Amino acid sequence: MNGGVAAIYGNAGDALGQAKRGGEIYVYGDAGTRAAIQHRGGVLVIGGSAGRYLGEYMGGGTVVVLRATNDEELGDRIAVGMVGGRIYIRGEVPKGHIGAPEAAKSERYLKSLFLDGLISEEEYRARMDGAQKGLRVEVRELAEGEIEALSPYIARFSSLFNIKININKEIFTIISSTGLAE
């Protein structure tokens, strides 16, 4: 997809928006596995949840998962290989669901080293910050500029599906690339 607008009045299947370069896709319900794989531009708004590998190898654009029509847990391995763009997921996502599964193993290993007294707390924190190599993950309310940038898409979603969505003062998990992905 290079441009235009697509609305899905239900659930979407696997690989939704693969290699999308522009335009807008709105999904009332859930997206299957590998939604936004190789996503390069434009916007994808999912009203419900998403399967495994959301934003895999994402290179640009914006993905928003509102969890308004279905607040089930998202699949794991979110943003594996992500090198650009941003993913906004309403609510807090477990850290083990973001990035490669090796990151979760690394985190457990680092914690055991710390608990066994083999590394200092300072070293533990520094290494944990690097455990999700290439990804920046924040859990917070959206900044004013982010609300302003996302508001037109949230308004269009609300209009298309006749559902009121408010992103102000909501906690989001925000995932972006640090540019360090291997």
C-alpha atoms as a PDB file:
ATOM      1  CA  MET A   1       0.000   0.000   0.000  1.00  0.00           C
ATOM      2  CA  ASN A   2       1.399   3.373  -1.001  1.00  0.00           C
ATOM      3  CA  GLY A   3      -1.486   5.646  -0.053  1.00  0.00           C
ATOM      4  CA  GLY A   4      -5.202   5.907   0.568  1.00  0.00           C
ATOM      5  CA  VAL A   5      -7.347   4.666   3.422  1.00  0.00           C
ATOM      6  CA  ALA A   6      -8.540   1.135   4.201  1.00  0.00           C
ATOM      7  CA  ALA A   7     -11.023   0.245   6.946  1.00  0.00           C
ATOM      8  CA  ILE A   8     -11.628  -3.292   8.181  1.00  0.00           C
ATOM      9  CA  TYR A   9     -14.934  -3.723  10.013  1.00  0.00           C
ATOM     10  CA  GLY A  10     -13.905  -6.830  11.920  1.00  0.00           C
ATOM     11  CA  ASN A  11     -10.673  -8.721  12.513  1.00  0.00           C
ATOM     12  CA  ALA A  12      -7.714  -8.711  10.139  1.00  0.00           C
ATOM     13  CA  GLY A  13      -5.612 -11.721   9.225  1.00  0.00           C
ATOM     14  CA  ASP A  14      -1.889 -12.325   9.308  1.00  0.00           C
ATOM     15  CA  ALA A  15       0.746 -10.032   7.751  1.00  0.00           C
ATOM     16  CA  LEU A  16      -1.599  -7.025   7.688  1.00  0.00           C
ATOM     17  CA  GLY A  17       0.154  -4.032   6.132  1.00  0.00           C
ATOM     18  CA  GLN A  18       3.239  -5.990   5.068  1.00  0.00           C
ATOM     19  CA  ALA A  19       5.796  -3.647   3.488  1.00  0.00           C
ATOM     20  CA  LYS A  20       3.248  -0.802   3.563  1.00  0.00           C
ATOM     21  CA  ARG A  21       4.872   2.442   2.410  1.00  0.00           C
ATOM     22  CA  GLY A  22       2.077   4.926   3.008  1.00  0.00           C
ATOM     23  CA  GLY A  23      -1.587   5.484   3.610  1.00  0.00           C
ATOM     24  CA  GLU A  24      -3.749   4.518   6.553  1.00  0.00           C
ATOM     25  CA  ILE A  25      -5.237   1.191   7.638  1.00  0.00           C
ATOM     26  CA  TYR A  26      -7.871   1.029  10.387  1.00  0.00           C
ATOM     27  CA  VAL A  27      -8.955  -2.260  11.950  1.00  0.00           C
ATOM     28  CA  TYR A  28     -11.963  -2.368  14.269  1.00  0.00           C
ATOM     29  CA  GLY A  29     -10.964  -5.695  15.857  1.00  0.00           C
ATOM     30  CA  ASP A  30      -7.758  -7.668  16.165  1.00  0.00           C
ATOM     31  CA  ALA A  31      -4.834  -8.176  13.805  1.00  0.00           C
ATOM     32  CA  GLY A  32      -3.237 -11.580  13.329  1.00  0.00           C
ATOM     33  CA  THR A  33       0.385 -12.614  13.457  1.00  0.00           C
ATOM     34  CA  ARG A  34       3.043 -10.396  11.891  1.00  0.00           C
ATOM     35  CA  ALA A  35       0.903  -7.262  11.533  1.00  0.00           C
ATOM     36  CA  ALA A  36       3.025  -4.366  10.232  1.00  0.00           C
ATOM     37  CA  ILE A  37       5.897  -6.653   9.199  1.00  0.00           C
ATOM     38  CA  GLN A  38       8.394  -4.562   7.205  1.00  0.00           C
ATOM     39  CA  HIS A  39       6.090  -1.557   7.718  1.00  0.00           C
ATOM     40  CA  ARG A  40       7.845   1.398   6.093  1.00  0.00           C
ATOM     41  CA  GLY A  41       5.428   4.286   6.292  1.00  0.00           C
ATOM     42  CA  GLY A  42       1.946   5.549   6.931  1.00  0.00           C
ATOM     43  CA  VAL A  43      -0.266   4.573   9.838  1.00  0.00           C
ATOM     44  CA  LEU A  44      -1.851   1.337  11.047  1.00  0.00           C
ATOM     45  CA  VAL A  45      -4.445   1.624  13.826  1.00  0.00           C
ATOM     46  CA  ILE A  46      -5.711  -1.585  15.448  1.00  0.00           C
ATOM     47  CA  GLY A  47      -8.755  -1.255  17.695  1.00  0.00           C
ATOM     48  CA  GLY A  48      -8.242  -4.557  19.508  1.00  0.00           C
ATOM     49  CA  SER A  49      -5.152  -6.669  20.050  1.00  0.00           C
ATOM     50  CA  ALA A  50      -2.452  -8.146  17.808  1.00  0.00           C
ATOM     51  CA  GLY A  51      -0.728 -11.504  17.438  1.00  0.00           C
ATOM     52  CA  ARG A  52       2.937 -12.384  17.622  1.00  0.00           C
ATOM     53  CA  TYR A  53       5.655 -10.431  15.809  1.00  0.00           C
ATOM     54  CA  LEU A  54       3.838  -7.068  15.642  1.00  0.00           C
ATOM     55  CA  GLY A  55       6.121  -4.598  13.850  1.00  0.00           C
ATOM     56  CA  GLU A  56       8.721  -7.216  12.926  1.00  0.00           C
ATOM     57  CA  TYR A  57      11.506  -5.618  10.844  1.00  0.00           C
ATOM     58  CA  MET A  58       9.586  -2.342  10.936  1.00  0.00           C
ATOM     59  CA  GLY A  59      11.462   0.444   9.176  1.00  0.00           C
ATOM     60  CA  GLY A  60       9.153   3.453   9.485  1.00  0.00           C
ATOM     61  CA  GLY A  61       5.673   4.789  10.017  1.00  0.00           C
ATOM     62  CA  THR A  62       3.381   4.462  13.001  1.00  0.00           C
ATOM     63  CA  VAL A  63       1.451   1.560  14.496  1.00  0.00           C
ATOM     64  CA  VAL A  64      -1.163   2.142  17.205  1.00  0.00           C
ATOM     65  CA  VAL A  65      -2.793  -0.701  19.138  1.00  0.00           C
ATOM     66  CA  LEU A  66      -5.715   0.733  21.101  1.00  0.00           C
ATOM     67  CA  ARG A  67      -6.925  -2.402  22.896  1.00  0.00           C
ATOM     68  CA  ALA A  68     -10.357  -0.736  23.008  1.00  0.00           C
ATOM     69  CA  THR A  69     -12.452  -3.370  21.221  1.00  0.00           C
ATOM     70  CA  ASN A  70     -10.509  -6.275  22.742  1.00  0.00           C
ATOM     71  CA  ASP A  71      -8.019  -5.813  25.572  1.00  0.00           C
ATOM     72  CA  GLU A  72      -6.443  -9.262  25.392  1.00  0.00           C
ATOM     73  CA  GLU A  73      -2.707  -9.627  25.841  1.00  0.00           C
ATOM     74  CA  LEU A  74      -0.681  -9.038  22.692  1.00  0.00           C
ATOM     75  CA  GLY A  75       1.466 -11.762  21.232  1.00  0.00           C
ATOM     76  CA  ASP A  76       5.162 -11.845  22.001  1.00  0.00           C
ATOM     77  CA  ARG A  77       8.221 -10.919  19.942  1.00  0.00           C
ATOM     78  CA  ILE A  78       6.931  -7.411  19.317  1.00  0.00           C
ATOM     79  CA  ALA A  79       9.334  -5.233  17.294  1.00  0.00           C
ATOM     80  CA  VAL A  80      11.884  -7.969  16.562  1.00  0.00           C
ATOM     81  CA  GLY A  81      14.400  -6.449  14.131  1.00  0.00           C
ATOM     82  CA  MET A  82      12.753  -3.018  14.262  1.00  0.00           C
ATOM     83  CA  VAL A  83      14.973  -0.280  12.796  1.00  0.00           C
ATOM     84  CA  GLY A  84      12.565   2.654  12.437  1.00  0.00           C
ATOM     85  CA  GLY A  85       9.110   4.007  13.146  1.00  0.00           C
ATOM     86  CA  ARG A  86       7.098   3.883  16.367  1.00  0.00           C
ATOM     87  CA  ILE A  87       4.672   1.482  17.968  1.00  0.00           C
ATOM     88  CA  TYR A  88       2.144   2.766  20.519  1.00  0.00           C
ATOM     89  CA  ILE A  89       0.338   0.107  22.543  1.00  0.00           C
ATOM     90  CA  ARG A  90      -2.326   1.180  25.019  1.00  0.00           C
ATOM     91  CA  GLY A  91      -1.460  -0.221  28.442  1.00  0.00           C
ATOM     92  CA  GLU A  92       1.689  -1.807  29.750  1.00  0.00           C
ATOM     93  CA  VAL A  93       3.184  -4.674  27.767  1.00  0.00           C
ATOM     94  CA  PRO A  94       5.342  -7.225  29.610  1.00  0.00           C
ATOM     95  CA  LYS A  95       9.013  -6.640  28.765  1.00  0.00           C
ATOM     96  CA  GLY A  96       9.396 -10.304  27.816  1.00  0.00           C
ATOM     97  CA  HIS A  97       6.943  -9.735  24.935  1.00  0.00           C
ATOM     98  CA  ILE A  98       9.119  -7.059  23.329  1.00  0.00           C
ATOM     99  CA  GLY A  99      12.099  -7.911  21.149  1.00  0.00           C
ATOM    100  CA  ALA A 100      13.763 -11.233  20.565  1.00  0.00           C
ATOM    101  CA  PRO A 101      13.235 -14.069  23.018  1.00  0.00           C
ATOM    102  CA  GLU A 102      16.967 -14.006  23.690  1.00  0.00           C
ATOM    103  CA  ALA A 103      16.428 -10.661  25.431  1.00  0.00           C
ATOM    104  CA  ALA A 104      14.159 -12.275  28.039  1.00  0.00           C
ATOM    105  CA  LYS A 105      16.760 -14.995  28.619  1.00  0.00           C
ATOM    106  CA  SER A 106      19.455 -12.334  28.971  1.00  0.00           C
ATOM    107  CA  GLU A 107      17.351 -10.446  31.503  1.00  0.00           C
ATOM    108  CA  ARG A 108      16.865 -13.601  33.614  1.00  0.00           C
ATOM    109  CA  TYR A 109      20.582 -14.355  33.438  1.00  0.00           C
ATOM    110  CA  LEU A 110      21.534 -10.810  34.445  1.00  0.00           C
ATOM    111  CA  LYS A 111      19.090 -10.928  37.355  1.00  0.00           C
ATOM    112  CA  SER A 112      20.591 -14.185  38.589  1.00  0.00           C
ATOM    113  CA  LEU A 113      24.107 -12.693  38.380  1.00  0.00           C
ATOM    114  CA  PHE A 114      22.943  -9.720  40.409  1.00  0.00           C
ATOM    115  CA  LEU A 115      21.077 -11.799  42.992  1.00  0.00           C
ATOM    116  CA  ASP A 116      24.128 -14.070  43.400  1.00  0.00           C
ATOM    117  CA  GLY A 117      26.309 -11.011  44.029  1.00  0.00           C
ATOM    118  CA  LEU A 118      28.421 -11.530  40.918  1.00  0.00           C
ATOM    119  CA  ILE A 119      27.657  -8.085  39.489  1.00  0.00           C
ATOM    120  CA  SER A 120      26.853  -4.795  41.219  1.00  0.00           C
ATOM    121  CA  GLU A 121      23.448  -3.132  41.098  1.00  0.00           C
ATOM    122  CA  GLU A 122      24.917  -0.398  38.909  1.00  0.00           C
ATOM    123  CA  GLU A 123      26.307  -2.937  36.444  1.00  0.00           C
ATOM    124  CA  TYR A 124      23.012  -4.863  36.518  1.00  0.00           C
ATOM    125  CA  ARG A 125      21.008  -1.734  35.637  1.00  0.00           C
ATOM    126  CA  ALA A 126      23.431  -0.719  32.900  1.00  0.00           C
ATOM    127  CA  ARG A 127      23.322  -4.169  31.320  1.00  0.00           C
ATOM    128  CA  MET A 128      19.524  -4.353  31.620  1.00  0.00           C
ATOM    129  CA  ASP A 129      19.265  -1.069  29.721  1.00  0.00           C
ATOM    130  CA  GLY A 130      21.151  -2.739  26.873  1.00  0.00           C
ATOM    131  CA  ALA A 131      19.301  -6.059  27.026  1.00  0.00           C
ATOM    132  CA  GLN A 132      16.721  -4.883  24.484  1.00  0.00           C
ATOM    133  CA  LYS A 133      19.471  -4.017  22.004  1.00  0.00           C
ATOM    134  CA  GLY A 134      18.277  -1.605  19.393  1.00  0.00           C
ATOM    135  CA  LEU A 135      14.934  -0.821  21.036  1.00  0.00           C
ATOM    136  CA  ARG A 136      13.784   1.981  23.253  1.00  0.00           C
ATOM    137  CA  VAL A 137      10.766   1.013  25.355  1.00  0.00           C
ATOM    138  CA  GLU A 138       8.866   3.522  27.469  1.00  0.00           C
ATOM    139  CA  VAL A 139       5.729   3.045  29.555  1.00  0.00           C
ATOM    140  CA  ARG A 140       4.065   6.400  30.158  1.00  0.00           C
ATOM    141  CA  GLU A 141       1.345   8.839  29.206  1.00  0.00           C
ATOM    142  CA  LEU A 142       1.690  10.320  25.746  1.00  0.00           C
ATOM    143  CA  ALA A 143       3.457  13.654  25.454  1.00  0.00           C
ATOM    144  CA  GLU A 144       1.540  16.643  24.110  1.00  0.00           C
ATOM    145  CA  GLY A 145       3.276  16.384  20.714  1.00  0.00           C
ATOM    146  CA  GLU A 146       2.447  12.692  20.443  1.00  0.00           C
ATOM    147  CA  ILE A 147      -1.214  13.317  21.260  1.00  0.00           C
ATOM    148  CA  GLU A 148      -1.276  16.061  18.648  1.00  0.00           C
ATOM    149  CA  ALA A 149       0.340  13.807  16.025  1.00  0.00           C
ATOM    150  CA  LEU A 150      -1.933  10.814  16.734  1.00  0.00           C
ATOM    151  CA  SER A 151      -5.207  12.702  17.240  1.00  0.00           C
ATOM    152  CA  PRO A 152      -6.217  12.890  13.543  1.00  0.00           C
ATOM    153  CA  TYR A 153      -5.878   9.101  13.239  1.00  0.00           C
ATOM    154  CA  ILE A 154      -7.724   8.429  16.483  1.00  0.00           C
ATOM    155  CA  ALA A 155     -10.495  10.778  15.336  1.00  0.00           C
ATOM    156  CA  ARG A 156     -10.756   8.952  11.999  1.00  0.00           C
ATOM    157  CA  PHE A 157     -10.862   5.573  13.800  1.00  0.00           C
ATOM    158  CA  SER A 158     -13.628   6.887  16.074  1.00  0.00           C
ATOM    159  CA  SER A 159     -15.588   8.204  13.092  1.00  0.00           C
ATOM    160  CA  LEU A 160     -15.202   5.037  10.997  1.00  0.00           C
ATOM    161  CA  PHE A 161     -16.289   2.652  13.731  1.00  0.00           C
ATOM    162  CA  ASN A 162     -18.603   4.902  15.759  1.00  0.00           C
ATOM    163  CA  ILE A 163     -16.627   4.363  18.959  1.00  0.00           C
ATOM    164  CA  LYS A 164     -15.261   7.121  21.163  1.00  0.00           C
ATOM    165  CA  ILE A 165     -11.552   6.765  21.898  1.00  0.00           C
ATOM    166  CA  ASN A 166      -9.649   9.079  24.236  1.00  0.00           C
ATOM    167  CA  ILE A 167      -5.867   8.769  24.438  1.00  0.00           C
ATOM    168  CA  ASN A 168      -5.347  11.608  26.915  1.00  0.00           C
ATOM    169  CA  LYS A 169      -4.007  10.533  30.304  1.00  0.00           C
ATOM    170  CA  GLU A 170      -3.778   6.892  29.180  1.00  0.00           C
ATOM    171  CA  ILE A 171      -0.674   4.786  29.761  1.00  0.00           C
ATOM    172  CA  PHE A 172       0.992   3.510  26.585  1.00  0.00           C
ATOM    173  CA  THR A 173       3.949   1.260  25.889  1.00  0.00           C
ATOM    174  CA  ILE A 174       5.940   3.145  23.273  1.00  0.00           C
ATOM    175  CA  ILE A 175       8.517   1.267  21.242  1.00  0.00           C
ATOM    176  CA  SER A 176      11.015   2.845  18.887  1.00  0.00           C
ATOM    177  CA  SER A 177      14.388   1.976  17.438  1.00  0.00           C
ATOM    178  CA  THR A 178      17.566   3.378  18.922  1.00  0.00           C
ATOM    179  CA  GLY A 179      19.312   2.844  15.607  1.00  0.00           C
ATOM    180  CA  LEU A 180      21.543   0.211  17.206  1.00  0.00           C
ATOM    181  CA  ALA A 181      19.733  -2.891  15.951  1.00  0.00           C
ATOM    182  CA  GLU A 182      21.998  -5.504  14.463  1.00  0.00           C
END
